[in-house]
PDB file of N, CA and C in Angstrom:
ATOM      1  N   MET A   1     -37.329 181.149  88.266  1.00  0.00           N
ATOM      2  CA  MET A   1     -36.946 181.788  87.029  1.00  0.00           C
ATOM      3  C   MET A   1     -37.217 180.828  85.877  1.00  0.00           C
ATOM      4  N   CYS A   2     -37.691 181.373  84.809  1.00  0.00           N
ATOM      5  CA  CYS A   2     -38.010 180.577  83.625  1.00  0.00           C
ATOM      6  C   CYS A   2     -37.049 180.958  82.506  1.00  0.00           C
ATOM      7  N   SER A   3     -36.408 179.986  81.940  1.00  0.00           N
ATOM      8  CA  SER A   3     -35.559 180.208  80.774  1.00  0.00           C
ATOM      9  C   SER A   3     -36.367 179.803  79.559  1.00  0.00           C
ATOM     10  N   ASP A   4     -36.960 180.781  78.935  1.00  0.00           N
ATOM     11  CA  ASP A   4     -37.907 180.520  77.864  1.00  0.00           C
ATOM     12  C   ASP A   4     -37.536 181.376  76.665  1.00  0.00           C
ATOM     13  N   GLY A   5     -37.679 180.836  75.484  1.00  0.00           N
ATOM     14  CA  GLY A   5     -37.468 181.682  74.330  1.00  0.00           C
ATOM     15  C   GLY A   5     -36.615 181.063  73.253  1.00  0.00           C
ATOM     16  N   LEU A   6     -35.998 181.940  72.504  1.00  0.00           N
ATOM     17  CA  LEU A   6     -35.150 181.536  71.390  1.00  0.00           C
ATOM     18  C   LEU A   6     -33.705 181.496  71.851  1.00  0.00           C
ATOM     19  N   TYR A   7     -32.976 180.541  71.344  1.00  0.00           N
ATOM     20  CA  TYR A   7     -31.572 180.390  71.708  1.00  0.00           C
ATOM     21  C   TYR A   7     -30.729 180.500  70.452  1.00  0.00           C
ATOM     22  N   TYR A   8     -29.560 181.063  70.601  1.00  0.00           N
ATOM     23  CA  TYR A   8     -28.699 181.334  69.459  1.00  0.00           C
ATOM     24  C   TYR A   8     -27.275 180.889  69.783  1.00  0.00           C
ATOM     25  N   PHE A   9     -26.640 180.294  68.811  1.00  0.00           N
ATOM     26  CA  PHE A   9     -25.225 179.947  68.922  1.00  0.00           C
ATOM     27  C   PHE A   9     -24.479 180.655  67.800  1.00  0.00           C
ATOM     28  N   LYS A  10     -23.209 180.915  68.022  1.00  0.00           N
ATOM     29  CA  LYS A  10     -22.401 181.652  67.052  1.00  0.00           C
ATOM     30  C   LYS A  10     -22.495 181.029  65.662  1.00  0.00           C
ATOM     31  N   ASN A  11     -22.471 179.713  65.617  1.00  0.00           N
ATOM     32  CA  ASN A  11     -22.654 179.013  64.349  1.00  0.00           C
ATOM     33  C   ASN A  11     -23.118 177.583  64.627  1.00  0.00           C
ATOM     34  N   LYS A  12     -23.512 176.920  63.583  1.00  0.00           N
ATOM     35  CA  LYS A  12     -24.063 175.568  63.698  1.00  0.00           C
ATOM     36  C   LYS A  12     -23.066 174.590  64.309  1.00  0.00           C
ATOM     37  N   SER A  13     -21.813 174.707  63.934  1.00  0.00           N
ATOM     38  CA  SER A  13     -20.822 173.735  64.411  1.00  0.00           C
ATOM     39  C   SER A  13     -20.607 173.826  65.924  1.00  0.00           C
ATOM     40  N   VAL A  14     -20.742 175.022  66.502  1.00  0.00           N
ATOM     41  CA  VAL A  14     -20.611 175.172  67.961  1.00  0.00           C
ATOM     42  C   VAL A  14     -21.704 174.370  68.652  1.00  0.00           C
ATOM     43  N   PHE A  15     -22.949 174.548  68.193  1.00  0.00           N
ATOM     44  CA  PHE A  15     -24.062 173.811  68.790  1.00  0.00           C
ATOM     45  C   PHE A  15     -23.894 172.305  68.581  1.00  0.00           C
ATOM     46  N   GLU A  16     -23.564 171.902  67.362  1.00  0.00           N
ATOM     47  CA  GLU A  16     -23.437 170.468  67.068  1.00  0.00           C
ATOM     48  C   GLU A  16     -22.399 169.796  67.959  1.00  0.00           C
ATOM     49  N   LYS A  17     -21.246 170.441  68.136  1.00  0.00           N
ATOM     50  CA  LYS A  17     -20.209 169.846  68.985  1.00  0.00           C
ATOM     51  C   LYS A  17     -20.687 169.725  70.427  1.00  0.00           C
ATOM     52  N   LEU A  18     -21.285 170.783  70.952  1.00  0.00           N
ATOM     53  CA  LEU A  18     -21.784 170.740  72.328  1.00  0.00           C
ATOM     54  C   LEU A  18     -22.837 169.653  72.492  1.00  0.00           C
ATOM     55  N   PHE A  19     -23.769 169.583  71.539  1.00  0.00           N
ATOM     56  CA  PHE A  19     -24.841 168.595  71.643  1.00  0.00           C
ATOM     57  C   PHE A  19     -24.294 167.173  71.526  1.00  0.00           C
ATOM     58  N   LEU A  20     -23.431 166.932  70.564  1.00  0.00           N
ATOM     59  CA  LEU A  20     -22.888 165.580  70.387  1.00  0.00           C
ATOM     60  C   LEU A  20     -22.055 165.152  71.589  1.00  0.00           C
ATOM     61  N   ASP A  21     -21.297 166.087  72.167  1.00  0.00           N
ATOM     62  CA  ASP A  21     -20.552 165.763  73.391  1.00  0.00           C
ATOM     63  C   ASP A  21     -21.510 165.380  74.515  1.00  0.00           C
ATOM     64  N   ALA A  22     -22.603 166.136  74.659  1.00  0.00           N
ATOM     65  CA  ALA A  22     -23.604 165.827  75.695  1.00  0.00           C
ATOM     66  C   ALA A  22     -24.259 164.478  75.416  1.00  0.00           C
ATOM     67  N   LYS A  23     -24.555 164.229  74.156  1.00  0.00           N
ATOM     68  CA  LYS A  23     -25.203 162.966  73.780  1.00  0.00           C
ATOM     69  C   LYS A  23     -24.289 161.778  74.082  1.00  0.00           C
ATOM     70  N   HIS A  24     -23.035 161.887  73.703  1.00  0.00           N
ATOM     71  CA  HIS A  24     -22.096 160.782  73.920  1.00  0.00           C
ATOM     72  C   HIS A  24     -21.788 160.556  75.394  1.00  0.00           C
ATOM     73  N   SER A  25     -21.874 161.612  76.191  1.00  0.00           N
ATOM     74  CA  SER A  25     -21.603 161.463  77.625  1.00  0.00           C
ATOM     75  C   SER A  25     -22.858 161.068  78.398  1.00  0.00           C
ATOM     76  N   GLY A  26     -24.011 161.042  77.709  1.00  0.00           N
ATOM     77  CA  GLY A  26     -25.262 160.695  78.384  1.00  0.00           C
ATOM     78  C   GLY A  26     -25.753 161.796  79.303  1.00  0.00           C
ATOM     79  N   ASN A  27     -25.389 163.032  79.000  1.00  0.00           N
ATOM     80  CA  ASN A  27     -25.755 164.176  79.838  1.00  0.00           C
ATOM     81  C   ASN A  27     -27.221 164.551  79.612  1.00  0.00           C
ATOM     82  N   THR A  28     -28.113 163.797  80.265  1.00  0.00           N
ATOM     83  CA  THR A  28     -29.548 164.041  80.142  1.00  0.00           C
ATOM     84  C   THR A  28     -30.181 164.139  81.523  1.00  0.00           C
ATOM     85  N   THR A  29     -31.379 164.669  81.545  1.00  0.00           N
ATOM     86  CA  THR A  29     -32.213 164.682  82.741  1.00  0.00           C
ATOM     87  C   THR A  29     -33.521 164.010  82.362  1.00  0.00           C
ATOM     88  N   LYS A  30     -33.824 162.902  83.027  1.00  0.00           N
ATOM     89  CA  LYS A  30     -35.022 162.109  82.702  1.00  0.00           C
ATOM     90  C   LYS A  30     -35.053 161.769  81.212  1.00  0.00           C
ATOM     91  N   ASN A  31     -33.877 161.447  80.676  1.00  0.00           N
ATOM     92  CA  ASN A  31     -33.706 161.058  79.273  1.00  0.00           C
ATOM     93  C   ASN A  31     -34.041 162.186  78.289  1.00  0.00           C
ATOM     94  N   GLU A  32     -33.951 163.433  78.749  1.00  0.00           N
ATOM     95  CA  GLU A  32     -34.173 164.590  77.891  1.00  0.00           C
ATOM     96  C   GLU A  32     -32.922 165.466  77.907  1.00  0.00           C
ATOM     97  N   TYR A  33     -32.693 166.158  76.800  1.00  0.00           N
ATOM     98  CA  TYR A  33     -31.572 167.093  76.703  1.00  0.00           C
ATOM     99  C   TYR A  33     -32.085 168.504  76.967  1.00  0.00           C
ATOM    100  N   TYR A  34     -31.308 169.261  77.712  1.00  0.00           N
ATOM    101  CA  TYR A  34     -31.664 170.639  78.022  1.00  0.00           C
ATOM    102  C   TYR A  34     -30.570 171.575  77.533  1.00  0.00           C
ATOM    103  N   ILE A  35     -30.966 172.805  77.250  1.00  0.00           N
ATOM    104  CA  ILE A  35     -30.044 173.780  76.678  1.00  0.00           C
ATOM    105  C   ILE A  35     -29.055 174.336  77.704  1.00  0.00           C
ATOM    106  N   ALA A  36     -29.477 174.468  78.963  1.00  0.00           N
ATOM    107  CA  ALA A  36     -28.623 175.097  79.986  1.00  0.00           C
ATOM    108  C   ALA A  36     -27.262 174.419  80.132  1.00  0.00           C
ATOM    109  N   PRO A  37     -27.181 173.085  80.156  1.00  0.00           N
ATOM    110  CA  PRO A  37     -25.852 172.469  80.270  1.00  0.00           C
ATOM    111  C   PRO A  37     -24.930 172.798  79.090  1.00  0.00           C
ATOM    112  N   LEU A  38     -25.500 173.019  77.918  1.00  0.00           N
ATOM    113  CA  LEU A  38     -24.669 173.389  76.769  1.00  0.00           C
ATOM    114  C   LEU A  38     -24.062 174.771  76.993  1.00  0.00           C
ATOM    115  N   TYR A  39     -24.882 175.699  77.469  1.00  0.00           N
ATOM    116  CA  TYR A  39     -24.359 177.035  77.771  1.00  0.00           C
ATOM    117  C   TYR A  39     -23.374 176.995  78.934  1.00  0.00           C
ATOM    118  N   ASN A  40     -23.645 176.154  79.931  1.00  0.00           N
ATOM    119  CA  ASN A  40     -22.702 176.015  81.048  1.00  0.00           C
ATOM    120  C   ASN A  40     -21.343 175.532  80.559  1.00  0.00           C
ATOM    121  N   GLU A  41     -21.350 174.636  79.588  1.00  0.00           N
ATOM    122  CA  GLU A  41     -20.089 174.150  79.017  1.00  0.00           C
ATOM    123  C   GLU A  41     -19.344 175.286  78.322  1.00  0.00           C
ATOM    124  N   LEU A  42     -20.059 176.115  77.568  1.00  0.00           N
ATOM    125  CA  LEU A  42     -19.410 177.266  76.927  1.00  0.00           C
ATOM    126  C   LEU A  42     -18.784 178.190  77.971  1.00  0.00           C
ATOM    127  N   ILE A  43     -19.524 178.444  79.054  1.00  0.00           N
ATOM    128  CA  ILE A  43     -19.012 179.308  80.121  1.00  0.00           C
ATOM    129  C   ILE A  43     -17.759 178.702  80.740  1.00  0.00           C
ATOM    130  N   SER A  44     -17.769 177.380  80.969  1.00  0.00           N
ATOM    131  CA  SER A  44     -16.593 176.730  81.567  1.00  0.00           C
ATOM    132  C   SER A  44     -15.386 176.781  80.632  1.00  0.00           C
ATOM    133  N   GLN A  45     -15.629 176.931  79.338  1.00  0.00           N
ATOM    134  CA  GLN A  45     -14.547 177.074  78.359  1.00  0.00           C
ATOM    135  C   GLN A  45     -14.078 178.523  78.227  1.00  0.00           C
ATOM    136  N   GLY A  46     -14.695 179.417  79.002  1.00  0.00           N
ATOM    137  CA  GLY A  46     -14.319 180.827  78.951  1.00  0.00           C
ATOM    138  C   GLY A  46     -14.955 181.592  77.811  1.00  0.00           C
ATOM    139  N   LYS A  47     -15.960 181.012  77.178  1.00  0.00           N
ATOM    140  CA  LYS A  47     -16.651 181.677  76.070  1.00  0.00           C
ATOM    141  C   LYS A  47     -17.646 182.694  76.626  1.00  0.00           C
ATOM    142  N   ASN A  48     -18.017 183.656  75.806  1.00  0.00           N
ATOM    143  CA  ASN A  48     -19.004 184.653  76.202  1.00  0.00           C
ATOM    144  C   ASN A  48     -20.410 184.133  75.940  1.00  0.00           C
ATOM    145  N   VAL A  49     -21.262 184.260  76.938  1.00  0.00           N
ATOM    146  CA  VAL A  49     -22.672 183.895  76.814  1.00  0.00           C
ATOM    147  C   VAL A  49     -23.473 185.104  77.274  1.00  0.00           C
ATOM    148  N   PHE A  50     -24.407 185.536  76.458  1.00  0.00           N
ATOM    149  CA  PHE A  50     -25.212 186.716  76.756  1.00  0.00           C
ATOM    150  C   PHE A  50     -26.680 186.336  76.837  1.00  0.00           C
ATOM    151  N   TYR A  51     -27.440 187.149  77.531  1.00  0.00           N
ATOM    152  CA  TYR A  51     -28.883 186.948  77.616  1.00  0.00           C
ATOM    153  C   TYR A  51     -29.564 188.305  77.711  1.00  0.00           C
ATOM    154  N   ASP A  52     -30.857 188.297  77.508  1.00  0.00           N
ATOM    155  CA  ASP A  52     -31.656 189.505  77.627  1.00  0.00           C
ATOM    156  C   ASP A  52     -32.914 189.159  78.400  1.00  0.00           C
ATOM    157  N   LEU A  53     -33.262 189.973  79.365  1.00  0.00           N
ATOM    158  CA  LEU A  53     -34.488 189.749  80.126  1.00  0.00           C
ATOM    159  C   LEU A  53     -35.660 190.374  79.383  1.00  0.00           C
ATOM    160  N   ILE A  54     -36.708 189.597  79.235  1.00  0.00           N
ATOM    161  CA  ILE A  54     -37.909 190.042  78.535  1.00  0.00           C
ATOM    162  C   ILE A  54     -39.026 190.191  79.562  1.00  0.00           C
ATOM    163  N   PRO A  55     -39.745 191.311  79.552  1.00  0.00           N
ATOM    164  CA  PRO A  55     -40.870 191.452  80.486  1.00  0.00           C
ATOM    165  C   PRO A  55     -41.908 190.349  80.244  1.00  0.00           C
ATOM    166  N   THR A  56     -42.461 189.832  81.329  1.00  0.00           N
ATOM    167  CA  THR A  56     -43.410 188.717  81.194  1.00  0.00           C
ATOM    168  C   THR A  56     -44.627 189.085  80.363  1.00  0.00           C
ATOM    169  N   ASP A  57     -44.988 190.368  80.318  1.00  0.00           N
ATOM    170  CA  ASP A  57     -46.150 190.752  79.509  1.00  0.00           C
ATOM    171  C   ASP A  57     -45.840 190.737  78.012  1.00  0.00           C
ATOM    172  N   LYS A  58     -44.591 190.505  77.656  1.00  0.00           N
ATOM    173  CA  LYS A  58     -44.183 190.416  76.245  1.00  0.00           C
ATOM    174  C   LYS A  58     -43.992 188.971  75.791  1.00  0.00           C
ATOM    175  N   ILE A  59     -44.238 188.018  76.690  1.00  0.00           N
ATOM    176  CA  ILE A  59     -44.032 186.605  76.380  1.00  0.00           C
ATOM    177  C   ILE A  59     -45.374 185.925  76.164  1.00  0.00           C
ATOM    178  N   LEU A  60     -45.469 185.163  75.108  1.00  0.00           N
ATOM    179  CA  LEU A  60     -46.658 184.359  74.828  1.00  0.00           C
ATOM    180  C   LEU A  60     -46.318 182.917  75.181  1.00  0.00           C
ATOM    181  N   PHE A  61     -46.787 182.482  76.339  1.00  0.00           N
ATOM    182  CA  PHE A  61     -46.460 181.144  76.816  1.00  0.00           C
ATOM    183  C   PHE A  61     -47.261 180.094  76.062  1.00  0.00           C
ATOM    184  N   CYS A  62     -46.586 179.073  75.600  1.00  0.00           N
ATOM    185  CA  CYS A  62     -47.277 177.951  74.949  1.00  0.00           C
ATOM    186  C   CYS A  62     -46.455 176.675  75.102  1.00  0.00           C
ATOM    187  N   GLY A  63     -45.924 176.461  76.301  1.00  0.00           N
ATOM    188  CA  GLY A  63     -45.097 175.292  76.565  1.00  0.00           C
ATOM    189  C   GLY A  63     -45.869 174.053  76.934  1.00  0.00           C
ATOM    190  N   THR A  64     -47.139 174.221  77.267  1.00  0.00           N
ATOM    191  CA  THR A  64     -47.988 173.072  77.581  1.00  0.00           C
ATOM    192  C   THR A  64     -49.187 173.101  76.651  1.00  0.00           C
ATOM    193  N   PRO A  65     -49.861 171.981  76.475  1.00  0.00           N
ATOM    194  CA  PRO A  65     -51.057 171.988  75.618  1.00  0.00           C
ATOM    195  C   PRO A  65     -52.100 173.014  76.066  1.00  0.00           C
ATOM    196  N   ASP A  66     -52.325 173.144  77.368  1.00  0.00           N
ATOM    197  CA  ASP A  66     -53.308 174.121  77.854  1.00  0.00           C
ATOM    198  C   ASP A  66     -52.885 175.553  77.536  1.00  0.00           C
ATOM    199  N   GLU A  67     -51.592 175.857  77.704  1.00  0.00           N
ATOM    200  CA  GLU A  67     -51.104 177.197  77.370  1.00  0.00           C
ATOM    201  C   GLU A  67     -51.238 177.464  75.874  1.00  0.00           C
ATOM    202  N   TYR A  68     -50.973 176.456  75.070  1.00  0.00           N
ATOM    203  CA  TYR A  68     -51.093 176.613  73.620  1.00  0.00           C
ATOM    204  C   TYR A  68     -52.538 176.882  73.217  1.00  0.00           C
ATOM    205  N   LEU A  69     -53.472 176.127  73.772  1.00  0.00           N
ATOM    206  CA  LEU A  69     -54.888 176.341  73.460  1.00  0.00           C
ATOM    207  C   LEU A  69     -55.344 177.720  73.918  1.00  0.00           C
ATOM    208  N   ALA A  70     -54.899 178.147  75.091  1.00  0.00           N
ATOM    209  CA  ALA A  70     -55.255 179.479  75.582  1.00  0.00           C
ATOM    210  C   ALA A  70     -54.709 180.553  74.643  1.00  0.00           C
ATOM    211  N   LEU A  71     -53.512 180.364  74.131  1.00  0.00           N
ATOM    212  CA  LEU A  71     -52.919 181.317  73.199  1.00  0.00           C
ATOM    213  C   LEU A  71     -53.715 181.368  71.900  1.00  0.00           C
ATOM    214  N   LEU A  72     -54.145 180.221  71.412  1.00  0.00           N
ATOM    215  CA  LEU A  72     -54.944 180.188  70.184  1.00  0.00           C
ATOM    216  C   LEU A  72     -56.270 180.916  70.347  1.00  0.00           C
ATOM    217  N   ASN A  73     -56.813 180.898  71.552  1.00  0.00           N
ATOM    218  CA  ASN A  73     -58.121 181.503  71.804  1.00  0.00           C
ATOM    219  C   ASN A  73     -58.044 182.972  72.193  1.00  0.00           C
ATOM    220  N   LYS A  74     -56.858 183.565  72.201  1.00  0.00           N
ATOM    221  CA  LYS A  74     -56.722 184.994  72.536  1.00  0.00           C
ATOM    222  C   LYS A  74     -57.276 185.862  71.443  1.00  0.00           C
TER     223      LYS A  74
END
């Protein structure tokens, strides 16, 4: 499964607190921060987290340089 796309938080302060808590705790993978642990924290706090499944034919992949170049050449 691929978690790709736009992410939304109720407001800026919710995201900032989650991110700063992750940063201060060193919650990284290979020295990178990922969005899923932030949402997992919201879920553990009993907050509502929603998602929508998008058909793959509606997604324009450009997460790698090769995918980006292929998208430009469409």
